[in-house]
PDB file of N, CA and C in Angstrom:
ATOM      1  N   MET A   1     -72.816-134.081-162.454  1.00  0.00           N
ATOM      2  CA  MET A   1     -73.285-133.313-161.209  1.00  0.00           C
ATOM      3  C   MET A   1     -72.047-133.070-160.346  1.00  0.00           C
ATOM      4  N   THR A   2     -72.019-131.807-159.818  1.00  0.00           N
ATOM      5  CA  THR A   2     -70.931-131.476-158.865  1.00  0.00           C
ATOM      6  C   THR A   2     -71.234-132.134-157.560  1.00  0.00           C
ATOM      7  N   ASN A   3     -70.219-132.194-156.717  1.00  0.00           N
ATOM      8  CA  ASN A   3     -70.379-132.750-155.439  1.00  0.00           C
ATOM      9  C   ASN A   3     -71.481-132.006-154.499  1.00  0.00           C
ATOM     10  N   GLN A   4     -71.431-130.576-154.696  1.00  0.00           N
ATOM     11  CA  GLN A   4     -72.372-129.867-153.956  1.00  0.00           C
ATOM     12  C   GLN A   4     -73.920-130.156-154.251  1.00  0.00           C
ATOM     13  N   LYS A   5     -73.985-130.352-155.707  1.00  0.00           N
ATOM     14  CA  LYS A   5     -75.443-130.609-156.210  1.00  0.00           C
ATOM     15  C   LYS A   5     -75.733-132.029-155.768  1.00  0.00           C
ATOM     16  N   ILE A   6     -74.883-132.937-155.728  1.00  0.00           N
ATOM     17  CA  ILE A   6     -75.167-134.394-155.321  1.00  0.00           C
ATOM     18  C   ILE A   6     -75.618-134.353-153.880  1.00  0.00           C
ATOM     19  N   LEU A   7     -74.809-133.526-153.053  1.00  0.00           N
ATOM     20  CA  LEU A   7     -75.311-133.435-151.582  1.00  0.00           C
ATOM     21  C   LEU A   7     -76.676-132.723-151.379  1.00  0.00           C
ATOM     22  N   ALA A   8     -76.837-131.680-152.219  1.00  0.00           N
ATOM     23  CA  ALA A   8     -78.166-131.016-152.107  1.00  0.00           C
ATOM     24  C   ALA A   8     -79.277-131.896-152.530  1.00  0.00           C
ATOM     25  N   VAL A   9     -79.131-132.653-153.564  1.00  0.00           N
ATOM     26  CA  VAL A   9     -80.203-133.656-153.883  1.00  0.00           C
ATOM     27  C   VAL A   9     -80.406-134.732-152.898  1.00  0.00           C
ATOM     28  N   ALA A  10     -79.258-135.300-152.497  1.00  0.00           N
ATOM     29  CA  ALA A  10     -79.376-136.332-151.526  1.00  0.00           C
ATOM     30  C   ALA A  10     -79.999-135.867-150.203  1.00  0.00           C
ATOM     31  N   ASN A  11     -79.762-134.577-149.797  1.00  0.00           N
ATOM     32  CA  ASN A  11     -80.486-133.999-148.659  1.00  0.00           C
ATOM     33  C   ASN A  11     -81.913-134.033-148.713  1.00  0.00           C
ATOM     34  N   GLU A  12     -82.442-134.030-149.898  1.00  0.00           N
ATOM     35  CA  GLU A  12     -83.949-133.985-150.126  1.00  0.00           C
ATOM     36  C   GLU A  12     -84.641-135.399-149.854  1.00  0.00           C
ATOM     37  N   CYS A  13     -83.782-136.364-149.815  1.00  0.00           N
ATOM     38  CA  CYS A  13     -84.326-137.757-149.830  1.00  0.00           C
ATOM     39  C   CYS A  13     -84.405-138.340-148.454  1.00  0.00           C
ATOM     40  N   ASP A  14     -85.567-138.840-148.144  1.00  0.00           N
ATOM     41  CA  ASP A  14     -85.901-139.462-146.885  1.00  0.00           C
ATOM     42  C   ASP A  14     -86.127-140.903-146.812  1.00  0.00           C
ATOM     43  N   GLY A  15     -86.135-141.539-148.007  1.00  0.00           N
ATOM     44  CA  GLY A  15     -86.349-142.984-148.053  1.00  0.00           C
ATOM     45  C   GLY A  15     -87.841-143.310-148.205  1.00  0.00           C
ATOM     46  N   HIS A  16     -88.786-142.416-147.963  1.00  0.00           N
ATOM     47  CA  HIS A  16     -90.218-142.783-148.035  1.00  0.00           C
ATOM     48  C   HIS A  16     -90.857-141.995-149.109  1.00  0.00           C
ATOM     49  N   SER A  17     -90.443-140.772-149.470  1.00  0.00           N
ATOM     50  CA  SER A  17     -91.128-139.883-150.295  1.00  0.00           C
ATOM     51  C   SER A  17     -91.052-140.197-151.777  1.00  0.00           C
ATOM     52  N   ILE A  18     -92.115-139.685-152.499  1.00  0.00           N
ATOM     53  CA  ILE A  18     -91.954-139.661-153.997  1.00  0.00           C
ATOM     54  C   ILE A  18     -91.765-138.154-154.260  1.00  0.00           C
ATOM     55  N   LEU A  19     -90.730-137.766-154.935  1.00  0.00           N
ATOM     56  CA  LEU A  19     -90.237-136.412-155.054  1.00  0.00           C
ATOM     57  C   LEU A  19     -90.562-135.920-156.475  1.00  0.00           C
ATOM     58  N   SER A  20     -90.738-134.568-156.586  1.00  0.00           N
ATOM     59  CA  SER A  20     -90.953-133.882-157.823  1.00  0.00           C
ATOM     60  C   SER A  20     -89.649-133.916-158.667  1.00  0.00           C
ATOM     61  N   PRO A  21     -89.656-134.512-159.854  1.00  0.00           N
ATOM     62  CA  PRO A  21     -88.485-134.403-160.695  1.00  0.00           C
ATOM     63  C   PRO A  21     -88.071-132.969-161.033  1.00  0.00           C
ATOM     64  N   GLU A  22     -89.083-132.142-161.169  1.00  0.00           N
ATOM     65  CA  GLU A  22     -88.786-130.737-161.520  1.00  0.00           C
ATOM     66  C   GLU A  22     -88.118-130.006-160.404  1.00  0.00           C
ATOM     67  N   ALA A  23     -88.546-130.270-159.130  1.00  0.00           N
ATOM     68  CA  ALA A  23     -87.901-129.643-157.986  1.00  0.00           C
ATOM     69  C   ALA A  23     -86.562-130.197-157.708  1.00  0.00           C
ATOM     70  N   LEU A  24     -86.333-131.442-158.009  1.00  0.00           N
ATOM     71  CA  LEU A  24     -84.925-131.990-157.865  1.00  0.00           C
ATOM     72  C   LEU A  24     -84.023-131.472-158.991  1.00  0.00           C
ATOM     73  N   MET A  25     -84.511-131.223-160.159  1.00  0.00           N
ATOM     74  CA  MET A  25     -83.753-130.675-161.320  1.00  0.00           C
ATOM     75  C   MET A  25     -83.386-129.261-160.964  1.00  0.00           C
ATOM     76  N   ALA A  26     -84.300-128.552-160.228  1.00  0.00           N
ATOM     77  CA  ALA A  26     -84.045-127.173-159.851  1.00  0.00           C
ATOM     78  C   ALA A  26     -82.763-127.046-158.922  1.00  0.00           C
ATOM     79  N   ILE A  27     -82.584-128.071-158.070  1.00  0.00           N
ATOM     80  CA  ILE A  27     -81.479-127.977-157.172  1.00  0.00           C
ATOM     81  C   ILE A  27     -80.227-128.817-157.708  1.00  0.00           C
ATOM     82  N   GLY A  28     -80.309-129.305-158.946  1.00  0.00           N
ATOM     83  CA  GLY A  28     -79.055-129.900-159.555  1.00  0.00           C
ATOM     84  C   GLY A  28     -79.131-131.191-160.082  1.00  0.00           C
ATOM     85  N   LEU A  29     -80.286-131.989-159.987  1.00  0.00           N
ATOM     86  CA  LEU A  29     -80.321-133.328-160.528  1.00  0.00           C
ATOM     87  C   LEU A  29     -80.310-133.153-162.108  1.00  0.00           C
ATOM     88  N   VAL A  30     -79.418-133.888-162.737  1.00  0.00           N
ATOM     89  CA  VAL A  30     -79.492-133.907-164.150  1.00  0.00           C
ATOM     90  C   VAL A  30     -80.686-134.438-164.690  1.00  0.00           C
ATOM     91  N   GLU A  31     -81.143-133.935-165.820  1.00  0.00           N
ATOM     92  CA  GLU A  31     -82.354-134.186-166.538  1.00  0.00           C
ATOM     93  C   GLU A  31     -82.420-135.650-166.921  1.00  0.00           C
ATOM     94  N   SER A  32     -81.280-136.137-167.423  1.00  0.00           N
ATOM     95  CA  SER A  32     -81.374-137.585-167.969  1.00  0.00           C
ATOM     96  C   SER A  32     -81.657-138.545-166.764  1.00  0.00           C
ATOM     97  N   LEU A  33     -81.025-138.286-165.640  1.00  0.00           N
ATOM     98  CA  LEU A  33     -81.321-139.079-164.461  1.00  0.00           C
ATOM     99  C   LEU A  33     -82.719-138.967-163.839  1.00  0.00           C
ATOM    100  N   ALA A  34     -83.181-137.735-163.890  1.00  0.00           N
ATOM    101  CA  ALA A  34     -84.483-137.423-163.508  1.00  0.00           C
ATOM    102  C   ALA A  34     -85.561-138.256-164.470  1.00  0.00           C
ATOM    103  N   ASN A  35     -85.370-138.189-165.750  1.00  0.00           N
ATOM    104  CA  ASN A  35     -86.148-138.845-166.689  1.00  0.00           C
ATOM    105  C   ASN A  35     -86.141-140.418-166.472  1.00  0.00           C
ATOM    106  N   GLU A  36     -84.945-140.840-166.206  1.00  0.00           N
ATOM    107  CA  GLU A  36     -84.781-142.313-166.030  1.00  0.00           C
ATOM    108  C   GLU A  36     -85.541-142.850-164.813  1.00  0.00           C
ATOM    109  N   LEU A  37     -85.537-142.122-163.710  1.00  0.00           N
ATOM    110  CA  LEU A  37     -86.112-142.522-162.460  1.00  0.00           C
ATOM    111  C   LEU A  37     -87.577-142.122-162.233  1.00  0.00           C
ATOM    112  N   THR A  38     -88.033-141.241-163.054  1.00  0.00           N
ATOM    113  CA  THR A  38     -89.405-140.874-162.986  1.00  0.00           C
ATOM    114  C   THR A  38     -90.389-141.902-163.385  1.00  0.00           C
ATOM    115  N   ASP A  39     -91.443-142.042-162.551  1.00  0.00           N
ATOM    116  CA  ASP A  39     -92.437-143.020-162.834  1.00  0.00           C
ATOM    117  C   ASP A  39     -93.781-142.550-162.217  1.00  0.00           C
ATOM    118  N   VAL A  40     -94.809-143.203-162.611  1.00  0.00           N
ATOM    119  CA  VAL A  40     -96.176-142.897-162.078  1.00  0.00           C
ATOM    120  C   VAL A  40     -96.457-144.013-161.066  1.00  0.00           C
ATOM    121  N   PHE A  41     -96.655-143.627-159.788  1.00  0.00           N
ATOM    122  CA  PHE A  41     -97.007-144.525-158.808  1.00  0.00           C
ATOM    123  C   PHE A  41     -98.453-144.509-158.516  1.00  0.00           C
ATOM    124  N   GLU A  42     -99.116-145.605-158.391  1.00  0.00           N
ATOM    125  CA  GLU A  42    -100.562-145.749-158.106  1.00  0.00           C
ATOM    126  C   GLU A  42    -100.803-146.155-156.720  1.00  0.00           C
ATOM    127  N   ILE A  43    -101.984-145.750-156.278  1.00  0.00           N
ATOM    128  CA  ILE A  43    -102.449-145.954-154.810  1.00  0.00           C
ATOM    129  C   ILE A  43    -102.523-147.383-154.625  1.00  0.00           C
ATOM    130  N   ASP A  44    -102.209-147.744-153.355  1.00  0.00           N
ATOM    131  CA  ASP A  44    -102.399-149.037-152.757  1.00  0.00           C
ATOM    132  C   ASP A  44    -102.921-148.854-151.394  1.00  0.00           C
ATOM    133  N   LEU A  45    -104.300-149.003-151.324  1.00  0.00           N
ATOM    134  CA  LEU A  45    -104.986-148.784-149.930  1.00  0.00           C
ATOM    135  C   LEU A  45    -104.834-149.971-149.003  1.00  0.00           C
ATOM    136  N   SER A  46    -104.047-150.918-149.340  1.00  0.00           N
ATOM    137  CA  SER A  46    -104.001-152.163-148.378  1.00  0.00           C
ATOM    138  C   SER A  46    -103.281-151.768-147.183  1.00  0.00           C
ATOM    139  N   SER A  47    -102.540-150.711-147.018  1.00  0.00           N
ATOM    140  CA  SER A  47    -101.780-150.424-145.875  1.00  0.00           C
ATOM    141  C   SER A  47    -101.539-148.800-145.848  1.00  0.00           C
ATOM    142  N   GLY A  48    -101.528-148.164-144.722  1.00  0.00           N
ATOM    143  CA  GLY A  48    -101.250-146.831-144.564  1.00  0.00           C
ATOM    144  C   GLY A  48     -99.836-146.510-145.207  1.00  0.00           C
ATOM    145  N   LYS A  49     -98.953-147.486-144.997  1.00  0.00           N
ATOM    146  CA  LYS A  49     -97.571-147.337-145.419  1.00  0.00           C
ATOM    147  C   LYS A  49     -97.482-147.231-146.986  1.00  0.00           C
ATOM    148  N   THR A  50     -98.433-147.776-147.642  1.00  0.00           N
ATOM    149  CA  THR A  50     -98.328-147.958-149.132  1.00  0.00           C
ATOM    150  C   THR A  50     -99.356-147.035-149.821  1.00  0.00           C
ATOM    151  N   THR A  51    -100.217-146.189-149.119  1.00  0.00           N
ATOM    152  CA  THR A  51    -101.014-145.196-149.567  1.00  0.00           C
ATOM    153  C   THR A  51    -100.295-143.929-149.935  1.00  0.00           C
ATOM    154  N   ILE A  52    -100.549-143.397-151.019  1.00  0.00           N
ATOM    155  CA  ILE A  52     -99.828-142.180-151.445  1.00  0.00           C
ATOM    156  C   ILE A  52    -100.581-140.934-151.019  1.00  0.00           C
ATOM    157  N   HIS A  53    -100.057-139.999-150.237  1.00  0.00           N
ATOM    158  CA  HIS A  53    -100.803-138.894-149.806  1.00  0.00           C
ATOM    159  C   HIS A  53     -99.989-137.636-150.353  1.00  0.00           C
ATOM    160  N   VAL A  54    -100.874-136.651-150.744  1.00  0.00           N
ATOM    161  CA  VAL A  54    -100.404-135.311-151.017  1.00  0.00           C
ATOM    162  C   VAL A  54    -101.143-134.340-150.197  1.00  0.00           C
ATOM    163  N   ASP A  55    -100.471-133.510-149.421  1.00  0.00           N
ATOM    164  CA  ASP A  55    -101.112-132.624-148.521  1.00  0.00           C
ATOM    165  C   ASP A  55    -102.149-133.365-147.529  1.00  0.00           C
ATOM    166  N   ASP A  56    -101.628-134.529-147.057  1.00  0.00           N
ATOM    167  CA  ASP A  56    -102.411-135.280-146.088  1.00  0.00           C
ATOM    168  C   ASP A  56    -103.725-136.039-146.667  1.00  0.00           C
ATOM    169  N   LEU A  57    -103.859-135.948-148.001  1.00  0.00           N
ATOM    170  CA  LEU A  57    -105.041-136.617-148.570  1.00  0.00           C
ATOM    171  C   LEU A  57    -104.582-137.727-149.539  1.00  0.00           C
ATOM    172  N   PRO A  58    -105.170-138.833-149.552  1.00  0.00           N
ATOM    173  CA  PRO A  58    -104.803-140.039-150.435  1.00  0.00           C
ATOM    174  C   PRO A  58    -105.075-139.454-151.873  1.00  0.00           C
ATOM    175  N   VAL A  59    -104.102-139.892-152.731  1.00  0.00           N
ATOM    176  CA  VAL A  59    -104.318-139.613-154.218  1.00  0.00           C
ATOM    177  C   VAL A  59    -104.281-140.949-155.105  1.00  0.00           C
ATOM    178  N   ASN A  60    -104.946-141.048-156.166  1.00  0.00           N
ATOM    179  CA  ASN A  60    -104.935-142.188-156.982  1.00  0.00           C
ATOM    180  C   ASN A  60    -103.496-142.539-157.596  1.00  0.00           C
ATOM    181  N   HIS A  61    -102.848-141.398-157.864  1.00  0.00           N
ATOM    182  CA  HIS A  61    -101.505-141.710-158.534  1.00  0.00           C
ATOM    183  C   HIS A  61    -100.603-140.473-158.381  1.00  0.00           C
ATOM    184  N   LEU A  62     -99.305-140.730-158.443  1.00  0.00           N
ATOM    185  CA  LEU A  62     -98.421-139.512-158.301  1.00  0.00           C
ATOM    186  C   LEU A  62     -97.267-139.836-159.247  1.00  0.00           C
ATOM    187  N   ARG A  63     -96.902-138.783-159.978  1.00  0.00           N
ATOM    188  CA  ARG A  63     -95.757-138.870-160.841  1.00  0.00           C
ATOM    189  C   ARG A  63     -94.565-138.259-160.085  1.00  0.00           C
ATOM    190  N   GLY A  64     -93.429-139.078-160.179  1.00  0.00           N
ATOM    191  CA  GLY A  64     -92.214-138.539-159.363  1.00  0.00           C
ATOM    192  C   GLY A  64     -91.180-139.609-159.254  1.00  0.00           C
ATOM    193  N   ILE A  65     -90.176-139.260-158.446  1.00  0.00           N
ATOM    194  CA  ILE A  65     -89.054-140.153-158.280  1.00  0.00           C
ATOM    195  C   ILE A  65     -89.135-140.617-156.814  1.00  0.00           C
ATOM    196  N   ARG A  66     -89.018-141.928-156.683  1.00  0.00           N
ATOM    197  CA  ARG A  66     -88.866-142.531-155.335  1.00  0.00           C
ATOM    198  C   ARG A  66     -87.557-142.197-154.722  1.00  0.00           C
ATOM    199  N   ALA A  67     -87.597-141.559-153.531  1.00  0.00           N
ATOM    200  CA  ALA A  67     -86.503-140.978-153.015  1.00  0.00           C
ATOM    201  C   ALA A  67     -85.325-142.054-152.702  1.00  0.00           C
ATOM    202  N   LEU A  68     -85.852-143.183-152.257  1.00  0.00           N
ATOM    203  CA  LEU A  68     -84.765-144.222-151.920  1.00  0.00           C
ATOM    204  C   LEU A  68     -83.999-144.751-153.201  1.00  0.00           C
ATOM    205  N   ASP A  69     -84.777-144.810-154.328  1.00  0.00           N
ATOM    206  CA  ASP A  69     -84.124-145.216-155.518  1.00  0.00           C
ATOM    207  C   ASP A  69     -83.197-144.157-155.977  1.00  0.00           C
ATOM    208  N   LEU A  70     -83.507-142.970-155.803  1.00  0.00           N
ATOM    209  CA  LEU A  70     -82.570-141.744-156.193  1.00  0.00           C
ATOM    210  C   LEU A  70     -81.266-141.895-155.289  1.00  0.00           C
ATOM    211  N   LEU A  71     -81.427-142.041-153.980  1.00  0.00           N
ATOM    212  CA  LEU A  71     -80.165-142.293-153.169  1.00  0.00           C
ATOM    213  C   LEU A  71     -79.267-143.298-153.536  1.00  0.00           C
ATOM    214  N   GLU A  72     -79.942-144.404-153.881  1.00  0.00           N
ATOM    215  CA  GLU A  72     -79.149-145.658-154.317  1.00  0.00           C
ATOM    216  C   GLU A  72     -78.300-145.338-155.531  1.00  0.00           C
ATOM    217  N   ARG A  73     -78.873-144.594-156.475  1.00  0.00           N
ATOM    218  CA  ARG A  73     -78.218-144.238-157.711  1.00  0.00           C
ATOM    219  C   ARG A  73     -77.111-143.145-157.454  1.00  0.00           C
ATOM    220  N   LEU A  74     -77.368-142.247-156.546  1.00  0.00           N
ATOM    221  CA  LEU A  74     -76.270-141.271-156.171  1.00  0.00           C
ATOM    222  C   LEU A  74     -75.216-141.960-155.493  1.00  0.00           C
ATOM    223  N   ALA A  75     -75.457-142.860-154.709  1.00  0.00           N
ATOM    224  CA  ALA A  75     -74.444-143.682-154.002  1.00  0.00           C
ATOM    225  C   ALA A  75     -73.549-144.413-154.920  1.00  0.00           C
ATOM    226  N   LYS A  76     -74.132-145.026-155.916  1.00  0.00           N
ATOM    227  CA  LYS A  76     -73.451-145.726-156.990  1.00  0.00           C
ATOM    228  C   LYS A  76     -72.546-144.636-157.779  1.00  0.00           C
ATOM    229  N   TYR A  77     -73.101-143.600-158.131  1.00  0.00           N
ATOM    230  CA  TYR A  77     -72.371-142.542-158.819  1.00  0.00           C
ATOM    231  C   TYR A  77     -71.050-141.999-158.194  1.00  0.00           C
ATOM    232  N   VAL A  78     -71.068-141.822-156.874  1.00  0.00           N
ATOM    233  CA  VAL A  78     -69.980-141.369-156.213  1.00  0.00           C
ATOM    234  C   VAL A  78     -69.088-142.529-155.730  1.00  0.00           C
ATOM    235  N   SER A  79     -69.351-143.758-156.137  1.00  0.00           N
ATOM    236  CA  SER A  79     -68.711-144.939-155.878  1.00  0.00           C
ATOM    237  C   SER A  79     -68.473-145.149-154.281  1.00  0.00           C
ATOM    238  N   THR A  80     -69.624-145.091-153.653  1.00  0.00           N
ATOM    239  CA  THR A  80     -69.436-145.134-152.172  1.00  0.00           C
ATOM    240  C   THR A  80     -69.271-146.610-151.673  1.00  0.00           C
ATOM    241  N   ASP A  81     -68.539-146.749-150.525  1.00  0.00           N
ATOM    242  CA  ASP A  81     -68.403-147.957-149.846  1.00  0.00           C
ATOM    243  C   ASP A  81     -69.794-148.179-149.112  1.00  0.00           C
ATOM    244  N   GLN A  82     -70.597-149.023-149.582  1.00  0.00           N
ATOM    245  CA  GLN A  82     -71.895-149.332-149.103  1.00  0.00           C
ATOM    246  C   GLN A  82     -71.978-150.529-148.052  1.00  0.00           C
ATOM    247  N   SER A  83     -70.790-150.904-147.512  1.00  0.00           N
ATOM    248  CA  SER A  83     -70.727-151.907-146.572  1.00  0.00           C
ATOM    249  C   SER A  83     -71.452-151.604-145.319  1.00  0.00           C
ATOM    250  N   GLY A  84     -71.546-150.302-145.065  1.00  0.00           N
ATOM    251  CA  GLY A  84     -72.375-149.866-143.853  1.00  0.00           C
ATOM    252  C   GLY A  84     -73.810-149.731-144.028  1.00  0.00           C
ATOM    253  N   VAL A  85     -74.277-149.841-145.252  1.00  0.00           N
ATOM    254  CA  VAL A  85     -75.719-149.746-145.618  1.00  0.00           C
ATOM    255  C   VAL A  85     -76.411-151.161-145.623  1.00  0.00           C
ATOM    256  N   VAL A  86     -76.807-151.469-144.329  1.00  0.00           N
ATOM    257  CA  VAL A  86     -77.261-152.802-144.016  1.00  0.00           C
ATOM    258  C   VAL A  86     -78.837-152.819-143.624  1.00  0.00           C
ATOM    259  N   ALA A  87     -79.375-151.634-143.431  1.00  0.00           N
ATOM    260  CA  ALA A  87     -80.747-151.575-142.961  1.00  0.00           C
ATOM    261  C   ALA A  87     -81.701-152.068-143.958  1.00  0.00           C
ATOM    262  N   HIS A  88     -82.865-152.525-143.501  1.00  0.00           N
ATOM    263  CA  HIS A  88     -83.927-153.050-144.450  1.00  0.00           C
ATOM    264  C   HIS A  88     -85.050-152.012-144.381  1.00  0.00           C
ATOM    265  N   GLY A  89     -85.138-151.240-143.483  1.00  0.00           N
ATOM    266  CA  GLY A  89     -86.166-150.159-143.317  1.00  0.00           C
ATOM    267  C   GLY A  89     -85.846-149.065-144.245  1.00  0.00           C
ATOM    268  N   ARG A  90     -86.804-148.429-144.885  1.00  0.00           N
ATOM    269  CA  ARG A  90     -86.427-147.431-145.919  1.00  0.00           C
ATOM    270  C   ARG A  90     -85.846-146.202-145.316  1.00  0.00           C
ATOM    271  N   GLY A  91     -86.292-145.704-144.133  1.00  0.00           N
ATOM    272  CA  GLY A  91     -85.891-144.502-143.456  1.00  0.00           C
ATOM    273  C   GLY A  91     -84.421-144.708-143.071  1.00  0.00           C
ATOM    274  N   THR A  92     -84.179-145.816-142.434  1.00  0.00           N
ATOM    275  CA  THR A  92     -82.778-146.000-141.894  1.00  0.00           C
ATOM    276  C   THR A  92     -81.823-146.328-143.096  1.00  0.00           C
ATOM    277  N   ARG A  93     -82.344-147.009-144.075  1.00  0.00           N
ATOM    278  CA  ARG A  93     -81.444-147.188-145.185  1.00  0.00           C
ATOM    279  C   ARG A  93     -81.109-145.846-145.873  1.00  0.00           C
ATOM    280  N   ALA A  94     -82.077-145.089-145.956  1.00  0.00           N
ATOM    281  CA  ALA A  94     -81.845-143.663-146.575  1.00  0.00           C
ATOM    282  C   ALA A  94     -80.732-143.025-145.809  1.00  0.00           C
ATOM    283  N   ARG A  95     -80.912-142.980-144.499  1.00  0.00           N
ATOM    284  CA  ARG A  95     -79.838-142.268-143.684  1.00  0.00           C
ATOM    285  C   ARG A  95     -78.502-142.880-143.894  1.00  0.00           C
ATOM    286  N   GLN A  96     -78.421-144.070-143.918  1.00  0.00           N
ATOM    287  CA  GLN A  96     -77.163-144.835-144.160  1.00  0.00           C
ATOM    288  C   GLN A  96     -76.545-144.490-145.551  1.00  0.00           C
ATOM    289  N   LEU A  97     -77.411-144.445-146.460  1.00  0.00           N
ATOM    290  CA  LEU A  97     -76.921-144.136-147.951  1.00  0.00           C
ATOM    291  C   LEU A  97     -76.466-142.603-147.978  1.00  0.00           C
ATOM    292  N   LYS A  98     -77.231-141.710-147.366  1.00  0.00           N
ATOM    293  CA  LYS A  98     -76.707-140.389-147.323  1.00  0.00           C
ATOM    294  C   LYS A  98     -75.481-140.174-146.693  1.00  0.00           C
ATOM    295  N   GLU A  99     -75.286-140.965-145.472  1.00  0.00           N
ATOM    296  CA  GLU A  99     -73.927-140.904-144.850  1.00  0.00           C
ATOM    297  C   GLU A  99     -72.887-141.497-145.715  1.00  0.00           C
ATOM    298  N   ALA A 100     -73.049-142.464-146.433  1.00  0.00           N
ATOM    299  CA  ALA A 100     -71.952-143.145-147.242  1.00  0.00           C
ATOM    300  C   ALA A 100     -71.820-142.126-148.451  1.00  0.00           C
ATOM    301  N   VAL A 101     -72.783-141.437-148.971  1.00  0.00           N
ATOM    302  CA  VAL A 101     -72.592-140.336-149.986  1.00  0.00           C
ATOM    303  C   VAL A 101     -71.695-139.316-149.543  1.00  0.00           C
ATOM    304  N   ARG A 102     -71.971-138.663-148.331  1.00  0.00           N
ATOM    305  CA  ARG A 102     -71.257-137.624-147.647  1.00  0.00           C
ATOM    306  C   ARG A 102     -69.752-138.070-147.457  1.00  0.00           C
ATOM    307  N   THR A 103     -69.619-139.271-146.864  1.00  0.00           N
ATOM    308  CA  THR A 103     -68.280-139.741-146.658  1.00  0.00           C
ATOM    309  C   THR A 103     -67.468-139.967-147.928  1.00  0.00           C
ATOM    310  N   ALA A 104     -68.053-140.396-149.053  1.00  0.00           N
ATOM    311  CA  ALA A 104     -67.402-140.545-150.281  1.00  0.00           C
ATOM    312  C   ALA A 104     -67.021-139.285-150.824  1.00  0.00           C
ATOM    313  N   ILE A 105     -67.839-138.283-150.757  1.00  0.00           N
ATOM    314  CA  ILE A 105     -67.588-136.996-151.331  1.00  0.00           C
ATOM    315  C   ILE A 105     -66.533-136.226-150.384  1.00  0.00           C
ATOM    316  N   GLU A 106     -66.685-136.282-149.065  1.00  0.00           N
ATOM    317  CA  GLU A 106     -65.699-135.645-148.219  1.00  0.00           C
ATOM    318  C   GLU A 106     -64.361-136.254-148.358  1.00  0.00           C
ATOM    319  N   GLY A 107     -64.298-137.629-148.605  1.00  0.00           N
ATOM    320  CA  GLY A 107     -63.042-138.182-148.873  1.00  0.00           C
ATOM    321  C   GLY A 107     -62.385-138.076-150.153  1.00  0.00           C
ATOM    322  N   GLY A 108     -63.062-137.281-151.056  1.00  0.00           N
ATOM    323  CA  GLY A 108     -62.514-136.983-152.300  1.00  0.00           C
ATOM    324  C   GLY A 108     -62.934-137.818-153.521  1.00  0.00           C
ATOM    325  N   ALA A 109     -63.965-138.695-153.355  1.00  0.00           N
ATOM    326  CA  ALA A 109     -64.430-139.425-154.466  1.00  0.00           C
ATOM    327  C   ALA A 109     -65.128-138.496-155.463  1.00  0.00           C
ATOM    328  N   LYS A 110     -64.962-138.829-156.817  1.00  0.00           N
ATOM    329  CA  LYS A 110     -65.608-138.070-157.820  1.00  0.00           C
ATOM    330  C   LYS A 110     -65.705-136.596-157.477  1.00  0.00           C
TER     331      LYS A 110
END
């Protein structure tokens, strides 16, 4: 993947979402990584945070790629310094990972 495509894919990741593999491949995610990270996620009604919604409606399952998992893989791929990625919350962790990816790419890694 080119640096531009890595940044485009990373930009789609918020830490909370389950993303469409097809949409991610359309902006540059390589198929082999998309296939590796794609899973079917099932509903968990025990908490609003764990219920899967599509168009504001709960769904029983959703096939896709967990955004945070993808960000972690992209960060590894560009050999980022992840010492600043210390957050436990998914949204903040995603922001820290995206910043680490940007810094690695702008600094000339891969």
